[in-house]
N, C-alpha and C. Protein backbone atom coordinates (compact mmCIF):
# COMPACT_ATOMS: atom_id res chain seq x y z
N MET A 1 2.92 -8.30 14.68
CA MET A 1 4.58 -8.81 13.79
C MET A 1 5.23 -7.27 14.45
N GLN A 2 6.27 -8.19 14.68
CA GLN A 2 7.59 -7.39 15.02
C GLN A 2 8.95 -7.90 14.91
N ILE A 3 9.63 -6.54 13.68
CA ILE A 3 10.93 -6.56 13.45
C ILE A 3 12.06 -5.94 14.61
N ALA A 4 12.35 -7.21 14.72
CA ALA A 4 13.76 -6.21 15.48
C ALA A 4 13.28 -5.33 16.99
N GLY A 5 11.95 -5.76 17.14
CA GLY A 5 11.53 -5.22 18.55
C GLY A 5 10.69 -4.19 18.03
N VAL A 6 10.56 -3.97 16.95
CA VAL A 6 9.61 -2.67 16.31
C VAL A 6 8.61 -3.52 15.90
N ARG A 7 6.81 -2.87 16.18
CA ARG A 7 5.63 -3.62 15.64
C ARG A 7 5.58 -2.84 13.83
N VAL A 8 5.45 -3.52 13.13
CA VAL A 8 5.04 -3.44 11.83
C VAL A 8 3.50 -3.60 11.20
N GLY A 9 2.93 -3.49 10.79
CA GLY A 9 1.66 -3.89 9.49
C GLY A 9 1.52 -5.56 8.91
N VAL A 10 0.63 -5.12 8.49
CA VAL A 10 0.82 -6.70 7.66
C VAL A 10 1.65 -6.61 6.09
N HIS A 11 1.32 -4.95 5.75
CA HIS A 11 2.12 -4.60 4.60
C HIS A 11 3.61 -4.81 4.57
N ALA A 12 4.23 -4.17 5.61
CA ALA A 12 5.42 -4.05 5.90
C ALA A 12 6.45 -5.47 6.51
N GLY A 13 5.98 -6.50 6.94
CA GLY A 13 5.75 -7.37 7.36
C GLY A 13 6.12 -8.45 6.24
N GLY A 14 5.28 -7.69 5.11
CA GLY A 14 5.69 -8.94 4.11
C GLY A 14 6.78 -9.08 3.70
N HIS A 15 7.57 -7.44 3.08
CA HIS A 15 8.34 -6.95 2.93
C HIS A 15 10.04 -7.57 3.72
N PHE A 16 9.77 -7.74 5.18
CA PHE A 16 11.06 -8.33 5.53
C PHE A 16 10.67 -9.55 5.74
N THR A 17 9.70 -10.30 4.95
CA THR A 17 9.79 -11.70 5.08
C THR A 17 9.96 -12.46 3.98
N ILE A 18 9.67 -11.91 3.13
CA ILE A 18 10.20 -12.81 2.01
C ILE A 18 11.18 -13.19 1.51
N ALA A 19 11.28 -14.21 1.05
CA ALA A 19 12.42 -14.84 1.38
C ALA A 19 12.79 -15.92 2.54
N GLY A 20 11.86 -15.70 3.26
CA GLY A 20 12.59 -16.06 4.42
C GLY A 20 12.93 -15.66 5.60
N ASP A 21 13.80 -14.70 5.40
CA ASP A 21 14.33 -13.97 6.05
C ASP A 21 13.50 -12.47 6.83
N PRO A 22 13.13 -12.90 8.25
CA PRO A 22 12.37 -12.13 8.76
C PRO A 22 13.33 -10.14 9.09
N ALA A 23 14.37 -10.57 9.08
CA ALA A 23 14.92 -9.40 8.91
C ALA A 23 15.74 -8.77 7.77
N GLY A 24 14.80 -9.64 6.54
CA GLY A 24 15.32 -9.29 5.60
C GLY A 24 15.60 -7.99 4.76
N ASP A 25 15.93 -7.65 3.68
CA ASP A 25 16.20 -6.26 2.95
C ASP A 25 14.70 -5.83 2.36
N PHE A 26 13.99 -5.08 2.51
CA PHE A 26 12.81 -4.44 1.85
C PHE A 26 13.14 -4.03 0.52
N PHE A 27 15.01 -3.64 0.67
CA PHE A 27 14.79 -2.93 -0.75
C PHE A 27 15.28 -4.15 -1.68
N VAL A 28 15.38 -4.94 -1.19
CA VAL A 28 15.55 -6.11 -2.89
C VAL A 28 14.61 -6.85 -3.00
N SER A 29 13.04 -6.72 -1.57
CA SER A 29 12.26 -7.44 -2.11
C SER A 29 11.63 -7.70 -3.36
N PRO A 30 11.45 -6.22 -4.20
CA PRO A 30 10.98 -6.74 -5.79
C PRO A 30 11.44 -7.71 -6.58
N GLY A 31 12.39 -7.93 -6.01
CA GLY A 31 12.88 -9.33 -6.91
C GLY A 31 12.98 -10.83 -6.72
N ASP A 32 11.73 -10.43 -6.10
CA ASP A 32 10.90 -11.90 -5.31
C ASP A 32 10.08 -12.02 -5.89
N PRO A 33 9.57 -12.64 -7.12
CA PRO A 33 8.37 -12.91 -7.74
C PRO A 33 6.88 -13.17 -6.66
N ALA A 34 6.92 -13.60 -4.86
CA ALA A 34 6.20 -13.52 -3.83
C ALA A 34 5.98 -11.80 -3.89
N PHE A 35 6.54 -10.58 -4.23
CA PHE A 35 6.52 -9.73 -3.72
C PHE A 35 4.96 -8.98 -4.31
N TYR A 36 4.83 -9.33 -5.89
CA TYR A 36 3.95 -9.39 -5.96
C TYR A 36 2.54 -9.94 -6.15
N LEU A 37 2.98 -11.35 -5.57
CA LEU A 37 1.29 -12.04 -4.69
C LEU A 37 0.95 -11.04 -3.70
N HIS A 38 2.31 -10.70 -3.14
CA HIS A 38 2.10 -9.95 -1.88
C HIS A 38 0.93 -8.94 -1.53
N HIS A 39 1.78 -7.83 -2.36
CA HIS A 39 1.00 -6.42 -2.71
C HIS A 39 -0.39 -6.69 -3.36
N ALA A 40 -0.47 -7.95 -4.18
CA ALA A 40 -1.97 -7.70 -4.92
C ALA A 40 -2.87 -8.31 -3.61
N MET A 41 -1.98 -9.31 -2.61
CA MET A 41 -3.11 -9.54 -1.55
C MET A 41 -3.69 -8.21 -0.84
N ILE A 42 -2.64 -7.65 -0.73
CA ILE A 42 -2.60 -6.23 0.31
C ILE A 42 -3.85 -5.56 -0.23
N ASP A 43 -3.53 -5.44 -1.63
CA ASP A 43 -4.77 -4.40 -2.48
C ASP A 43 -6.25 -5.50 -2.49
N ARG A 44 -5.95 -6.30 -2.36
CA ARG A 44 -7.50 -7.16 -2.16
C ARG A 44 -8.10 -7.06 -1.14
N THR A 45 -7.23 -7.19 0.21
CA THR A 45 -7.80 -7.25 1.05
C THR A 45 -8.44 -5.86 1.60
N TRP A 46 -7.40 -4.32 0.99
CA TRP A 46 -8.24 -3.39 1.20
C TRP A 46 -9.38 -3.32 0.64
N THR A 47 -9.28 -3.79 -0.27
CA THR A 47 -10.62 -3.72 -1.60
C THR A 47 -11.87 -4.57 -0.56
N ILE A 48 -11.54 -5.16 -0.13
CA ILE A 48 -12.07 -5.83 0.52
C ILE A 48 -13.32 -5.34 1.52
N TRP A 49 -12.17 -4.58 2.30
CA TRP A 49 -12.44 -3.97 3.78
C TRP A 49 -13.26 -2.81 3.14
N GLN A 50 -12.90 -1.83 2.41
CA GLN A 50 -13.10 -0.69 1.78
C GLN A 50 -15.14 -1.22 1.23
N ALA A 51 -15.07 -2.48 0.64
CA ALA A 51 -16.39 -2.49 -0.09
C ALA A 51 -17.22 -2.80 1.48
N GLN A 52 -16.77 -3.60 2.59
CA GLN A 52 -17.83 -3.60 3.21
C GLN A 52 -18.83 -2.12 3.82
N ASP A 53 -18.13 -1.10 3.63
CA ASP A 53 -18.99 -0.04 4.13
C ASP A 53 -18.31 1.21 3.12
N LEU A 54 -18.78 1.35 1.97
CA LEU A 54 -17.87 1.67 0.89
C LEU A 54 -18.12 3.59 1.15
N GLN A 55 -19.39 3.71 1.49
CA GLN A 55 -19.82 4.96 1.45
C GLN A 55 -18.44 6.21 2.74
N ASN A 56 -18.41 4.94 3.64
CA ASN A 56 -17.59 5.32 5.00
C ASN A 56 -16.03 5.18 5.30
N ARG A 57 -15.59 4.72 4.07
CA ARG A 57 -14.07 4.05 3.78
C ARG A 57 -13.58 4.10 2.88
N LEU A 58 -14.13 4.47 1.88
CA LEU A 58 -13.37 4.72 0.57
C LEU A 58 -12.14 6.15 0.99
N GLN A 59 -12.76 6.81 1.21
CA GLN A 59 -12.08 7.93 1.92
C GLN A 59 -11.17 8.30 2.90
N VAL A 60 -10.75 6.57 3.41
CA VAL A 60 -9.96 6.68 4.92
C VAL A 60 -8.95 5.93 4.46
N ILE A 61 -7.82 6.95 5.30
CA ILE A 61 -6.33 6.15 4.89
C ILE A 61 -5.60 6.76 6.49
N SER A 62 -4.61 5.93 6.50
CA SER A 62 -3.77 6.41 8.02
C SER A 62 -2.88 5.98 7.62
N GLY A 63 -1.38 6.29 8.13
CA GLY A 63 -0.17 5.63 8.18
C GLY A 63 0.83 7.16 7.65
N GLY A 64 1.89 7.11 7.56
CA GLY A 64 3.31 7.93 7.55
C GLY A 64 2.79 8.44 5.93
N ARG A 65 4.07 9.48 5.71
CA ARG A 65 4.12 9.54 4.40
C ARG A 65 5.64 8.67 4.51
N SER A 66 6.34 8.39 4.81
CA SER A 66 7.56 7.46 4.15
C SER A 66 7.48 5.77 5.28
N MET A 67 8.36 5.26 4.49
CA MET A 67 7.41 3.68 4.92
C MET A 67 8.57 3.76 6.24
N MET A 68 10.17 3.97 6.87
CA MET A 68 10.02 4.27 8.29
C MET A 68 9.88 5.21 9.30
N GLY A 69 8.92 5.86 8.88
CA GLY A 69 8.27 6.82 10.00
C GLY A 69 8.95 8.13 9.15
N GLY A 70 8.43 8.93 10.23
CA GLY A 70 9.12 10.49 9.70
C GLY A 70 8.42 11.17 8.48
N GLY A 71 8.66 12.02 8.08
CA GLY A 71 7.43 12.91 7.04
C GLY A 71 6.01 12.89 7.21
N GLY A 72 5.93 12.63 8.60
CA GLY A 72 4.20 13.08 9.01
C GLY A 72 3.23 12.12 8.76
N THR A 73 2.39 12.74 9.03
CA THR A 73 0.95 11.95 8.78
C THR A 73 0.35 12.20 7.10
N ALA A 74 -0.19 10.79 6.49
CA ALA A 74 -0.20 10.49 5.42
C ALA A 74 -1.85 11.48 5.08
N ALA A 75 -2.44 12.46 4.17
CA ALA A 75 -3.35 12.89 4.49
C ALA A 75 -4.01 13.17 2.72
N LEU A 76 -5.12 12.56 2.09
CA LEU A 76 -5.80 13.10 1.40
C LEU A 76 -5.17 13.88 -0.01
N SER A 77 -4.85 14.87 0.68
CA SER A 77 -4.42 15.85 -0.14
C SER A 77 -2.77 15.70 -0.65
N ASP A 78 -2.26 14.80 -0.32
CA ASP A 78 -1.29 14.77 -0.58
C ASP A 78 -1.03 14.21 -2.05
N GLU A 79 0.09 14.52 -2.72
CA GLU A 79 0.31 14.23 -4.29
C GLU A 79 1.45 13.17 -4.76
N VAL A 80 1.10 12.06 -5.55
CA VAL A 80 1.88 11.24 -5.77
C VAL A 80 1.99 11.06 -7.36
N ASN A 81 2.99 11.08 -7.41
CA ASN A 81 3.46 10.61 -9.03
C ASN A 81 3.35 9.27 -9.48
N LEU A 82 2.62 9.23 -10.20
CA LEU A 82 2.83 7.59 -10.97
C LEU A 82 2.66 7.46 -12.41
N TYR A 83 4.71 7.12 -12.58
CA TYR A 83 5.48 8.20 -13.30
C TYR A 83 4.77 7.67 -14.62
N SER A 84 4.74 5.68 -14.64
CA SER A 84 4.29 5.26 -15.92
C SER A 84 2.83 5.45 -15.80
N VAL A 85 1.90 5.67 -15.07
CA VAL A 85 0.90 5.47 -15.23
C VAL A 85 -0.25 7.06 -15.86
N ALA A 86 0.62 7.98 -15.73
CA ALA A 86 0.01 9.57 -16.45
C ALA A 86 0.95 10.65 -16.62
N ASP A 87 1.24 11.22 -16.97
CA ASP A 87 2.01 12.51 -16.87
C ASP A 87 1.29 13.62 -15.93
N LYS A 88 1.15 13.24 -14.82
CA LYS A 88 0.67 14.38 -14.00
C LYS A 88 0.84 13.62 -12.18
N LYS A 89 0.87 14.84 -11.92
CA LYS A 89 0.71 13.58 -9.84
C LYS A 89 -0.89 14.18 -9.34
N TRP A 90 -1.21 13.31 -9.04
CA TRP A 90 -2.60 12.65 -8.37
C TRP A 90 -2.58 12.90 -7.38
N LYS A 91 -3.89 13.43 -6.17
CA LYS A 91 -4.05 13.12 -5.09
C LYS A 91 -4.29 11.62 -4.48
N VAL A 92 -4.00 11.23 -3.52
CA VAL A 92 -4.40 10.69 -2.66
C VAL A 92 -5.87 10.04 -2.85
N SER A 93 -6.34 10.97 -2.64
CA SER A 93 -7.84 11.39 -2.44
C SER A 93 -8.10 10.47 -3.87
N GLU A 94 -7.79 10.43 -4.71
CA GLU A 94 -7.97 9.80 -6.39
C GLU A 94 -7.37 8.81 -6.60
N LEU A 95 -6.66 8.15 -5.70
CA LEU A 95 -6.20 6.86 -6.20
C LEU A 95 -6.81 5.76 -4.58
N VAL A 96 -7.60 5.98 -4.36
CA VAL A 96 -7.68 5.39 -3.07
C VAL A 96 -8.98 4.39 -3.54
N SER A 97 -9.67 4.46 -5.04
CA SER A 97 -10.39 3.55 -5.46
C SER A 97 -10.09 2.51 -6.43
N VAL A 98 -10.18 1.66 -6.36
CA VAL A 98 -9.63 0.51 -7.87
C VAL A 98 -10.69 0.72 -9.03
N THR A 99 -11.81 1.36 -9.27
CA THR A 99 -12.46 1.27 -9.93
C THR A 99 -12.56 2.62 -10.30
N ASP A 100 -12.13 3.69 -9.77
CA ASP A 100 -11.92 5.55 -10.20
C ASP A 100 -10.86 5.59 -10.87
N GLY A 101 -10.49 7.13 -10.90
CA GLY A 101 -8.81 7.83 -11.51
C GLY A 101 -8.78 7.08 -12.47
N PRO A 102 -7.51 6.53 -12.50
CA PRO A 102 -6.24 6.16 -13.39
C PRO A 102 -6.39 4.45 -13.29
N PHE A 103 -7.16 3.85 -12.17
CA PHE A 103 -6.78 2.38 -11.94
C PHE A 103 -8.56 2.18 -12.50
N CYS A 104 -8.50 0.45 -13.40
CA CYS A 104 -9.80 0.85 -13.14
C CYS A 104 -9.91 -1.39 -13.52
N TYR A 105 -10.42 -1.79 -12.30
CA TYR A 105 -9.92 -3.43 -11.95
C TYR A 105 -10.95 -3.88 -10.67
N THR A 106 -11.56 -5.21 -11.00
CA THR A 106 -12.54 -5.43 -9.59
C THR A 106 -11.60 -7.04 -9.42
N TYR A 107 -12.25 -7.32 -8.27
CA TYR A 107 -11.74 -8.75 -8.29
C TYR A 107 -13.30 -9.91 -7.92
N ALA A 108 -12.42 -10.83 -8.71
CA ALA A 108 -13.78 -11.70 -8.47
C ALA A 108 -14.38 -12.30 -7.30
């Protein structure tokens, strides 16, 4: 998918297309209930992909540290603050599993 001539992935593409506006403002997309369905499907797709080869895919990530580029390449050692989940900073490597760390859920 391309937005304004820039190729974006399925995650970013969903933010731009929620509310049917391909050039939409992804900062307001959380106001649309479809935003949560979109994120649930992204998470489910990621989990299915991981499960196809869990030993080799559990600790695999790609992408940058910011939404619009810049910030360098993301690393498993990067820290994330999940304010509402725990009063600590988590390493990305601790957050890539839906059944370990602060998360504990499965898909049927």
